[in-house]
């Protein structure tokens, strides 16, 4: 239900701004002899969808508990709204008058003294009204949630596209870099699946011992590092080192050092004894 408010006409000053449009032409000022009747302008303050909507609005506006409604002030405010509506539209106010009668009945029942009863307590006269208000509020909230959902022709428009010819699918172009990456993936996969073969190399400690003795044949001191040939690789160096240890163990060579962290020297043991 709409509640109108009549506003008296106000004389507008002469201005150069556009105040209205008549048949598409701008009107820069109001005519001097323009008459505006008192009821020409109506401002709608609130719009209610029924008496329950009006009651719920009054309860929420006053921050009241719907389970404990003070009937006297609520009925007085409701009757003021009904009187305002009757002045404009009596036909639509009929259902509001029915609710007004119900409120007056509830108010009178609450004012009457309650006779003592031995049976169960008498039902609250407001119970039926509270039930209807709570059901209406739940329905109103559900309707508001539904109204927030996107709606065709309000929030969006349906668009149809007609394709007259068949669209040819365009394949992506392959660059040289893509081919390079594909080749590297293939090579990486091949390395992961290739077989690893371990070959057995025959290395003799005795042969390395003989080679070291030949290097020490003149009986002079030889630097320890010069006894090893780095070209033999890690396996050859390991066997050469074992050969030196074996010669020291059999007391065929002697290892000496002048001071700490100085070079290590190796010489034949027999040559050392001859010098002594």
C-alpha atoms as a PDB file:
ATOM      1  CA  UNK A   1       0.000   0.000   0.000  1.00  0.00           C
ATOM      2  CA  UNK A   2       1.373   3.464  -0.917  1.00  0.00           C
ATOM      3  CA  UNK A   3       1.166   6.357   1.546  1.00  0.00           C
ATOM      4  CA  UNK A   4       1.129   9.714  -0.381  1.00  0.00           C
ATOM      5  CA  UNK A   5       2.335  13.025   0.974  1.00  0.00           C
ATOM      6  CA  UNK A   6       1.051  16.235  -0.642  1.00  0.00           C
ATOM      7  CA  UNK A   7       3.508  19.065  -1.062  1.00  0.00           C
ATOM      8  CA  UNK A   8       2.528  22.656  -1.749  1.00  0.00           C
ATOM      9  CA  UNK A   9       3.869  24.219  -4.986  1.00  0.00           C
ATOM     10  CA  UNK A  10       7.036  26.257  -4.676  1.00  0.00           C
ATOM     11  CA  UNK A  11       7.786  29.210  -6.926  1.00  0.00           C
ATOM     12  CA  UNK A  12      11.047  28.518  -8.782  1.00  0.00           C
ATOM     13  CA  UNK A  13      13.460  31.382  -9.492  1.00  0.00           C
ATOM     14  CA  UNK A  14      14.543  32.281 -12.981  1.00  0.00           C
ATOM     15  CA  UNK A  15      17.474  30.080 -13.934  1.00  0.00           C
ATOM     16  CA  UNK A  16      19.360  29.388 -17.109  1.00  0.00           C
ATOM     17  CA  UNK A  17      19.611  25.661 -16.495  1.00  0.00           C
ATOM     18  CA  UNK A  18      17.236  23.245 -18.134  1.00  0.00           C
ATOM     19  CA  UNK A  19      14.230  22.578 -15.865  1.00  0.00           C
ATOM     20  CA  UNK A  20      12.214  20.306 -18.171  1.00  0.00           C
ATOM     21  CA  UNK A  21      11.758  19.008 -21.714  1.00  0.00           C
ATOM     22  CA  UNK A  22       8.606  19.507 -23.807  1.00  0.00           C
ATOM     23  CA  UNK A  23       8.428  17.543 -27.070  1.00  0.00           C
ATOM     24  CA  UNK A  24      12.184  17.155 -26.957  1.00  0.00           C
ATOM     25  CA  UNK A  25      12.849  20.895 -26.610  1.00  0.00           C
ATOM     26  CA  UNK A  26      14.588  22.121 -23.428  1.00  0.00           C
ATOM     27  CA  UNK A  27      12.669  24.459 -21.138  1.00  0.00           C
ATOM     28  CA  UNK A  28      15.052  26.913 -19.471  1.00  0.00           C
ATOM     29  CA  UNK A  29      12.536  28.542 -17.105  1.00  0.00           C
ATOM     30  CA  UNK A  30       9.048  27.942 -15.785  1.00  0.00           C
ATOM     31  CA  UNK A  31       6.162  29.930 -17.274  1.00  0.00           C
ATOM     32  CA  UNK A  32       5.053  32.875 -15.165  1.00  0.00           C
ATOM     33  CA  UNK A  33       1.353  31.903 -15.351  1.00  0.00           C
ATOM     34  CA  UNK A  34       1.911  28.207 -14.541  1.00  0.00           C
ATOM     35  CA  UNK A  35      -0.631  26.871 -12.016  1.00  0.00           C
ATOM     36  CA  UNK A  36       0.192  23.774  -9.987  1.00  0.00           C
ATOM     37  CA  UNK A  37      -2.777  22.333  -8.038  1.00  0.00           C
ATOM     38  CA  UNK A  38      -2.136  21.417  -4.389  1.00  0.00           C
ATOM     39  CA  UNK A  39      -2.527  17.658  -5.000  1.00  0.00           C
ATOM     40  CA  UNK A  40      -0.448  17.553  -8.173  1.00  0.00           C
ATOM     41  CA  UNK A  41       2.674  16.251  -6.454  1.00  0.00           C
ATOM     42  CA  UNK A  42       2.653  13.132  -4.308  1.00  0.00           C
ATOM     43  CA  UNK A  43       5.679  11.606  -2.594  1.00  0.00           C
ATOM     44  CA  UNK A  44       5.307   7.945  -1.644  1.00  0.00           C
ATOM     45  CA  UNK A  45       6.953   7.433   1.718  1.00  0.00           C
ATOM     46  CA  UNK A  46       6.497   3.692   2.188  1.00  0.00           C
ATOM     47  CA  UNK A  47       4.980   0.869   0.126  1.00  0.00           C
ATOM     48  CA  UNK A  48       3.398  -2.071   1.948  1.00  0.00           C
ATOM     49  CA  UNK A  49       2.151  -5.299   0.459  1.00  0.00           C
ATOM     50  CA  UNK A  50      -0.514  -5.916   3.072  1.00  0.00           C
ATOM     51  CA  UNK A  51      -1.442  -5.455   6.734  1.00  0.00           C
ATOM     52  CA  UNK A  52       1.156  -7.996   7.907  1.00  0.00           C
ATOM     53  CA  UNK A  53       3.845  -6.091   6.037  1.00  0.00           C
ATOM     54  CA  UNK A  54       2.756  -2.856   7.729  1.00  0.00           C
ATOM     55  CA  UNK A  55       2.720  -4.492  11.182  1.00  0.00           C
ATOM     56  CA  UNK A  56       6.172  -6.009  10.639  1.00  0.00           C
ATOM     57  CA  UNK A  57       7.491  -2.619   9.524  1.00  0.00           C
ATOM     58  CA  UNK A  58       6.173  -0.935  12.701  1.00  0.00           C
ATOM     59  CA  UNK A  59       7.638  -3.672  14.921  1.00  0.00           C
ATOM     60  CA  UNK A  60      11.093  -3.537  13.303  1.00  0.00           C
ATOM     61  CA  UNK A  61      11.092   0.253  13.235  1.00  0.00           C
ATOM     62  CA  UNK A  62      10.430   0.400  16.987  1.00  0.00           C
ATOM     63  CA  UNK A  63      12.969  -2.430  17.593  1.00  0.00           C
ATOM     64  CA  UNK A  64      10.380  -4.574  19.371  1.00  0.00           C
ATOM     65  CA  UNK A  65      10.451  -8.286  20.096  1.00  0.00           C
ATOM     66  CA  UNK A  66       7.955 -10.020  17.856  1.00  0.00           C
ATOM     67  CA  UNK A  67       7.354 -12.645  20.569  1.00  0.00           C
ATOM     68  CA  UNK A  68       6.347  -9.976  23.107  1.00  0.00           C
ATOM     69  CA  UNK A  69       4.455  -7.260  21.251  1.00  0.00           C
ATOM     70  CA  UNK A  70       3.128  -4.262  23.236  1.00  0.00           C
ATOM     71  CA  UNK A  71      -0.336  -4.087  21.733  1.00  0.00           C
ATOM     72  CA  UNK A  72      -1.365  -0.598  22.890  1.00  0.00           C
ATOM     73  CA  UNK A  73       1.304   1.527  21.109  1.00  0.00           C
ATOM     74  CA  UNK A  74       1.391  -0.839  18.130  1.00  0.00           C
ATOM     75  CA  UNK A  75      -2.381  -0.580  17.633  1.00  0.00           C
ATOM     76  CA  UNK A  76      -2.276   3.228  17.922  1.00  0.00           C
ATOM     77  CA  UNK A  77       0.442   3.560  15.238  1.00  0.00           C
ATOM     78  CA  UNK A  78      -1.339   1.057  13.003  1.00  0.00           C
ATOM     79  CA  UNK A  79      -4.615   3.015  13.188  1.00  0.00           C
ATOM     80  CA  UNK A  80      -2.791   6.224  12.219  1.00  0.00           C
ATOM     81  CA  UNK A  81      -1.503   4.551   9.045  1.00  0.00           C
ATOM     82  CA  UNK A  82      -4.943   3.137   8.268  1.00  0.00           C
ATOM     83  CA  UNK A  83      -6.564   6.559   8.601  1.00  0.00           C
ATOM     84  CA  UNK A  84      -3.998   7.997   6.193  1.00  0.00           C
ATOM     85  CA  UNK A  85      -4.715   5.237   3.690  1.00  0.00           C
ATOM     86  CA  UNK A  86      -8.487   5.590   3.965  1.00  0.00           C
ATOM     87  CA  UNK A  87      -8.177   9.202   2.874  1.00  0.00           C
ATOM     88  CA  UNK A  88      -6.737   8.097  -0.465  1.00  0.00           C
ATOM     89  CA  UNK A  89      -7.999   4.611  -1.299  1.00  0.00           C
ATOM     90  CA  UNK A  90     -10.854   3.125   0.733  1.00  0.00           C
ATOM     91  CA  UNK A  91     -11.106  -0.028  -1.366  1.00  0.00           C
ATOM     92  CA  UNK A  92      -7.529  -1.097  -0.711  1.00  0.00           C
ATOM     93  CA  UNK A  93      -7.816  -0.200   2.957  1.00  0.00           C
ATOM     94  CA  UNK A  94     -10.530  -2.829   3.588  1.00  0.00           C
ATOM     95  CA  UNK A  95      -8.061  -5.599   4.496  1.00  0.00           C
ATOM     96  CA  UNK A  96      -6.207  -3.146   6.697  1.00  0.00           C
ATOM     97  CA  UNK A  97      -9.456  -2.397   8.549  1.00  0.00           C
ATOM     98  CA  UNK A  98      -9.924  -6.114   9.173  1.00  0.00           C
ATOM     99  CA  UNK A  99      -6.444  -6.292  10.742  1.00  0.00           C
ATOM    100  CA  UNK A 100      -7.256  -3.166  12.791  1.00  0.00           C
ATOM    101  CA  UNK A 101     -10.313  -4.925  14.195  1.00  0.00           C
ATOM    102  CA  UNK A 102      -8.172  -7.947  15.067  1.00  0.00           C
ATOM    103  CA  UNK A 103      -5.647  -5.744  16.868  1.00  0.00           C
ATOM    104  CA  UNK A 104      -8.379  -4.018  18.846  1.00  0.00           C
ATOM    105  CA  UNK A 105      -9.799  -7.394  19.844  1.00  0.00           C
ATOM    106  CA  UNK A 106      -6.389  -8.635  21.031  1.00  0.00           C
ATOM    107  CA  UNK A 107      -5.835  -5.383  22.928  1.00  0.00           C
ATOM    108  CA  UNK A 108      -9.231  -5.629  24.665  1.00  0.00           C
ATOM    109  CA  UNK A 109      -8.646  -9.304  25.598  1.00  0.00           C
ATOM    110  CA  UNK A 110      -5.315  -8.412  27.173  1.00  0.00           C
ATOM    111  CA  UNK A 111      -6.885  -5.569  29.160  1.00  0.00           C
ATOM    112  CA  UNK A 112      -9.693  -7.721  30.581  1.00  0.00           C
ATOM    113  CA  UNK A 113      -8.961  -9.456  33.899  1.00  0.00           C
ATOM    114  CA  UNK A 114      -8.327 -13.160  33.504  1.00  0.00           C
ATOM    115  CA  UNK A 115     -10.489 -15.422  35.731  1.00  0.00           C
ATOM    116  CA  UNK A 116      -8.580 -18.076  37.653  1.00  0.00           C
ATOM    117  CA  UNK A 117      -8.629 -21.465  35.964  1.00  0.00           C
ATOM    118  CA  UNK A 118      -7.685 -24.802  37.379  1.00  0.00           C
ATOM    119  CA  UNK A 119      -6.781 -26.280  33.980  1.00  0.00           C
ATOM    120  CA  UNK A 120      -3.846 -25.374  31.803  1.00  0.00           C
ATOM    121  CA  UNK A 121      -2.867 -21.749  31.315  1.00  0.00           C
ATOM    122  CA  UNK A 122      -4.929 -19.718  28.882  1.00  0.00           C
ATOM    123  CA  UNK A 123      -3.340 -19.197  25.478  1.00  0.00           C
ATOM    124  CA  UNK A 124      -1.801 -15.771  24.823  1.00  0.00           C
ATOM    125  CA  UNK A 125      -4.218 -13.690  22.672  1.00  0.00           C
ATOM    126  CA  UNK A 126      -1.208 -12.582  20.603  1.00  0.00           C
ATOM    127  CA  UNK A 127      -0.139 -16.147  19.712  1.00  0.00           C
ATOM    128  CA  UNK A 128      -1.989 -16.333  16.398  1.00  0.00           C
ATOM    129  CA  UNK A 129      -0.774 -12.884  15.347  1.00  0.00           C
ATOM    130  CA  UNK A 130       2.838 -13.742  16.275  1.00  0.00           C
ATOM    131  CA  UNK A 131       2.656 -16.974  14.280  1.00  0.00           C
ATOM    132  CA  UNK A 132       1.376 -15.166  11.181  1.00  0.00           C
ATOM    133  CA  UNK A 133       4.004 -12.432  11.495  1.00  0.00           C
ATOM    134  CA  UNK A 134       6.889 -14.933  11.805  1.00  0.00           C
ATOM    135  CA  UNK A 135       5.661 -16.952   8.812  1.00  0.00           C
ATOM    136  CA  UNK A 136       5.308 -13.780   6.763  1.00  0.00           C
ATOM    137  CA  UNK A 137       8.810 -12.600   7.700  1.00  0.00           C
ATOM    138  CA  UNK A 138      10.325 -15.929   6.673  1.00  0.00           C
ATOM    139  CA  UNK A 139       8.512 -15.770   3.334  1.00  0.00           C
ATOM    140  CA  UNK A 140       9.631 -12.167   2.818  1.00  0.00           C
ATOM    141  CA  UNK A 141      13.275 -13.015   3.481  1.00  0.00           C
ATOM    142  CA  UNK A 142      13.071 -16.004   1.129  1.00  0.00           C
ATOM    143  CA  UNK A 143      11.549 -13.786  -1.564  1.00  0.00           C
ATOM    144  CA  UNK A 144      14.358 -11.239  -1.088  1.00  0.00           C
ATOM    145  CA  UNK A 145      16.998 -13.969  -1.520  1.00  0.00           C
ATOM    146  CA  UNK A 146      15.282 -15.169  -4.687  1.00  0.00           C
ATOM    147  CA  UNK A 147      15.096 -11.609  -5.996  1.00  0.00           C
ATOM    148  CA  UNK A 148      18.878 -11.249  -5.558  1.00  0.00           C
ATOM    149  CA  UNK A 149      19.494 -14.105  -8.010  1.00  0.00           C
ATOM    150  CA  UNK A 150      20.398 -13.031 -11.559  1.00  0.00           C
ATOM    151  CA  UNK A 151      17.290 -12.711 -13.707  1.00  0.00           C
ATOM    152  CA  UNK A 152      17.042 -12.702 -17.474  1.00  0.00           C
ATOM    153  CA  UNK A 153      16.002  -9.386 -19.057  1.00  0.00           C
ATOM    154  CA  UNK A 154      16.659  -7.638 -15.724  1.00  0.00           C
ATOM    155  CA  UNK A 155      20.283  -8.352 -14.878  1.00  0.00           C
ATOM    156  CA  UNK A 156      21.406  -9.819 -18.191  1.00  0.00           C
ATOM    157  CA  UNK A 157      20.152 -10.374 -21.728  1.00  0.00           C
ATOM    158  CA  UNK A 158      20.129 -13.559 -23.795  1.00  0.00           C
ATOM    159  CA  UNK A 159      22.292 -13.224 -26.875  1.00  0.00           C
ATOM    160  CA  UNK A 160      22.055 -15.550 -29.834  1.00  0.00           C
ATOM    161  CA  UNK A 161      24.826 -15.775 -32.407  1.00  0.00           C
ATOM    162  CA  UNK A 162      24.204 -17.180 -35.870  1.00  0.00           C
ATOM    163  CA  UNK A 163      27.250 -18.542 -37.687  1.00  0.00           C
ATOM    164  CA  UNK A 164      26.622 -18.765 -41.412  1.00  0.00           C
ATOM    165  CA  UNK A 165      29.866 -20.439 -42.420  1.00  0.00           C
ATOM    166  CA  UNK A 166      31.887 -23.148 -40.784  1.00  0.00           C
ATOM    167  CA  UNK A 167      34.752 -21.750 -38.789  1.00  0.00           C
ATOM    168  CA  UNK A 168      38.083 -23.303 -39.729  1.00  0.00           C
ATOM    169  CA  UNK A 169      40.009 -24.323 -36.663  1.00  0.00           C
ATOM    170  CA  UNK A 170      43.427 -22.723 -36.659  1.00  0.00           C
ATOM    171  CA  UNK A 171      46.229 -25.004 -35.592  1.00  0.00           C
ATOM    172  CA  UNK A 172      49.041 -23.545 -33.472  1.00  0.00           C
ATOM    173  CA  UNK A 173      52.343 -22.837 -35.205  1.00  0.00           C
ATOM    174  CA  UNK A 174      55.382 -24.937 -34.258  1.00  0.00           C
ATOM    175  CA  UNK A 175      58.583 -22.949 -33.815  1.00  0.00           C
ATOM    176  CA  UNK A 176      62.201 -24.096 -33.820  1.00  0.00           C
ATOM    177  CA  UNK A 177      62.304 -23.703 -30.054  1.00  0.00           C
ATOM    178  CA  UNK A 178      59.358 -26.105 -29.680  1.00  0.00           C
ATOM    179  CA  UNK A 179      61.200 -28.717 -31.776  1.00  0.00           C
ATOM    180  CA  UNK A 180      64.304 -28.250 -29.650  1.00  0.00           C
ATOM    181  CA  UNK A 181      62.375 -28.806 -26.421  1.00  0.00           C
ATOM    182  CA  UNK A 182      60.720 -31.914 -27.875  1.00  0.00           C
ATOM    183  CA  UNK A 183      64.115 -33.332 -28.900  1.00  0.00           C
ATOM    184  CA  UNK A 184      65.593 -32.681 -25.450  1.00  0.00           C
ATOM    185  CA  UNK A 185      62.663 -34.523 -23.829  1.00  0.00           C
ATOM    186  CA  UNK A 186      63.296 -37.520 -26.088  1.00  0.00           C
ATOM    187  CA  UNK A 187      67.020 -37.566 -25.267  1.00  0.00           C
ATOM    188  CA  UNK A 188      66.319 -37.288 -21.555  1.00  0.00           C
ATOM    189  CA  UNK A 189      63.919 -40.211 -21.756  1.00  0.00           C
ATOM    190  CA  UNK A 190      66.511 -42.234 -23.719  1.00  0.00           C
ATOM    191  CA  UNK A 191      69.174 -41.609 -21.062  1.00  0.00           C
ATOM    192  CA  UNK A 192      66.828 -42.811 -18.359  1.00  0.00           C
ATOM    193  CA  UNK A 193      66.130 -46.083 -20.161  1.00  0.00           C
ATOM    194  CA  UNK A 194      69.634 -46.913 -21.443  1.00  0.00           C
ATOM    195  CA  UNK A 195      71.612 -49.837 -19.950  1.00  0.00           C
ATOM    196  CA  UNK A 196      74.663 -49.218 -17.823  1.00  0.00           C
ATOM    197  CA  UNK A 197      77.488 -51.640 -18.310  1.00  0.00           C
ATOM    198  CA  UNK A 198      80.306 -52.001 -15.809  1.00  0.00           C
ATOM    199  CA  UNK A 199      83.585 -53.199 -17.279  1.00  0.00           C
ATOM    200  CA  UNK A 200      86.220 -54.999 -15.227  1.00  0.00           C
ATOM    201  CA  UNK A 201      89.744 -53.706 -15.561  1.00  0.00           C
ATOM    202  CA  UNK A 202      92.642 -55.929 -14.546  1.00  0.00           C
ATOM    203  CA  UNK A 203      94.950 -53.942 -12.248  1.00  0.00           C
ATOM    204  CA  UNK A 204      97.850 -55.655 -10.508  1.00  0.00           C
ATOM    205  CA  UNK A 205      99.325 -54.288  -7.313  1.00  0.00           C
ATOM    206  CA  UNK A 206     102.520 -56.254  -7.966  1.00  0.00           C
ATOM    207  CA  UNK A 207     103.008 -54.592 -11.331  1.00  0.00           C
ATOM    208  CA  UNK A 208     102.656 -51.158  -9.757  1.00  0.00           C
ATOM    209  CA  UNK A 209     105.082 -52.144  -7.012  1.00  0.00           C
ATOM    210  CA  UNK A 210     107.655 -53.089  -9.663  1.00  0.00           C
ATOM    211  CA  UNK A 211     107.111 -49.795 -11.494  1.00  0.00           C
ATOM    212  CA  UNK A 212     107.669 -47.815  -8.292  1.00  0.00           C
ATOM    213  CA  UNK A 213     110.848 -49.744  -7.494  1.00  0.00           C
ATOM    214  CA  UNK A 214     112.143 -48.940 -10.964  1.00  0.00           C
ATOM    215  CA  UNK A 215     111.554 -45.228 -10.327  1.00  0.00           C
ATOM    216  CA  UNK A 216     113.489 -45.531  -7.067  1.00  0.00           C
ATOM    217  CA  UNK A 217     116.293 -47.615  -8.623  1.00  0.00           C
ATOM    218  CA  UNK A 218     119.013 -44.957  -8.394  1.00  0.00           C
ATOM    219  CA  UNK A 219     118.581 -44.754  -4.586  1.00  0.00           C
ATOM    220  CA  UNK A 220     117.834 -41.029  -4.479  1.00  0.00           C
ATOM    221  CA  UNK A 221     115.002 -39.401  -2.657  1.00  0.00           C
ATOM    222  CA  UNK A 222     111.894 -39.051  -4.811  1.00  0.00           C
ATOM    223  CA  UNK A 223     108.939 -36.781  -4.037  1.00  0.00           C
ATOM    224  CA  UNK A 224     105.923 -38.834  -3.072  1.00  0.00           C
ATOM    225  CA  UNK A 225     103.599 -37.131  -5.618  1.00  0.00           C
ATOM    226  CA  UNK A 226     105.851 -38.016  -8.575  1.00  0.00           C
ATOM    227  CA  UNK A 227     105.277 -41.739  -8.020  1.00  0.00           C
ATOM    228  CA  UNK A 228     101.665 -41.428  -9.288  1.00  0.00           C
ATOM    229  CA  UNK A 229     100.550 -41.020 -12.882  1.00  0.00           C
ATOM    230  CA  UNK A 230      97.297 -39.041 -13.046  1.00  0.00           C
ATOM    231  CA  UNK A 231      96.650 -40.371 -16.543  1.00  0.00           C
ATOM    232  CA  UNK A 232      95.794 -43.754 -15.036  1.00  0.00           C
ATOM    233  CA  UNK A 233      92.593 -42.330 -13.569  1.00  0.00           C
ATOM    234  CA  UNK A 234      91.093 -42.970 -10.155  1.00  0.00           C
ATOM    235  CA  UNK A 235      91.366 -46.795 -10.285  1.00  0.00           C
ATOM    236  CA  UNK A 236      95.062 -46.640 -11.297  1.00  0.00           C
ATOM    237  CA  UNK A 237      95.894 -44.090  -8.595  1.00  0.00           C
ATOM    238  CA  UNK A 238      94.206 -46.246  -5.943  1.00  0.00           C
ATOM    239  CA  UNK A 239      96.233 -49.299  -6.999  1.00  0.00           C
ATOM    240  CA  UNK A 240      99.462 -47.233  -7.034  1.00  0.00           C
ATOM    241  CA  UNK A 241      98.779 -46.022  -3.512  1.00  0.00           C
ATOM    242  CA  UNK A 242      98.155 -49.593  -2.385  1.00  0.00           C
ATOM    243  CA  UNK A 243     101.464 -50.553  -4.006  1.00  0.00           C
ATOM    244  CA  UNK A 244     103.317 -47.892  -1.984  1.00  0.00           C
ATOM    245  CA  UNK A 245     101.688 -49.086   1.222  1.00  0.00           C
ATOM    246  CA  UNK A 246     102.612 -52.651   0.399  1.00  0.00           C
ATOM    247  CA  UNK A 247     106.274 -51.630  -0.217  1.00  0.00           C
ATOM    248  CA  UNK A 248     106.366 -49.813   3.124  1.00  0.00           C
ATOM    249  CA  UNK A 249     104.833 -52.835   4.826  1.00  0.00           C
ATOM    250  CA  UNK A 250     107.497 -55.142   3.349  1.00  0.00           C
ATOM    251  CA  UNK A 251     110.183 -52.591   4.331  1.00  0.00           C
ATOM    252  CA  UNK A 252     111.367 -52.217   0.750  1.00  0.00           C
ATOM    253  CA  UNK A 253     111.010 -48.425   0.770  1.00  0.00           C
ATOM    254  CA  UNK A 254     111.255 -45.733   3.418  1.00  0.00           C
ATOM    255  CA  UNK A 255     109.065 -42.619   3.707  1.00  0.00           C
ATOM    256  CA  UNK A 256     110.489 -39.484   5.350  1.00  0.00           C
ATOM    257  CA  UNK A 257     109.623 -35.832   5.939  1.00  0.00           C
ATOM    258  CA  UNK A 258     111.905 -32.997   7.096  1.00  0.00           C
ATOM    259  CA  UNK A 259     109.270 -31.067   9.031  1.00  0.00           C
ATOM    260  CA  UNK A 260     105.525 -30.796   9.462  1.00  0.00           C
ATOM    261  CA  UNK A 261     103.562 -30.002   6.284  1.00  0.00           C
ATOM    262  CA  UNK A 262     106.723 -30.295   4.179  1.00  0.00           C
ATOM    263  CA  UNK A 263     106.975 -32.517   1.086  1.00  0.00           C
ATOM    264  CA  UNK A 264     107.081 -36.277   1.625  1.00  0.00           C
ATOM    265  CA  UNK A 265     110.048 -38.210   0.157  1.00  0.00           C
ATOM    266  CA  UNK A 266     110.400 -41.884  -0.709  1.00  0.00           C
ATOM    267  CA  UNK A 267     113.578 -43.909  -1.325  1.00  0.00           C
ATOM    268  CA  UNK A 268     114.730 -47.523  -1.388  1.00  0.00           C
ATOM    269  CA  UNK A 269     115.363 -49.058   1.991  1.00  0.00           C
ATOM    270  CA  UNK A 270     118.561 -50.862   0.873  1.00  0.00           C
ATOM    271  CA  UNK A 271     119.999 -47.599  -0.418  1.00  0.00           C
ATOM    272  CA  UNK A 272     119.336 -46.039   2.986  1.00  0.00           C
ATOM    273  CA  UNK A 273     121.245 -48.831   4.745  1.00  0.00           C
ATOM    274  CA  UNK A 274     124.225 -48.534   2.368  1.00  0.00           C
ATOM    275  CA  UNK A 275     124.493 -44.846   3.160  1.00  0.00           C
ATOM    276  CA  UNK A 276     124.500 -45.663   6.863  1.00  0.00           C
END
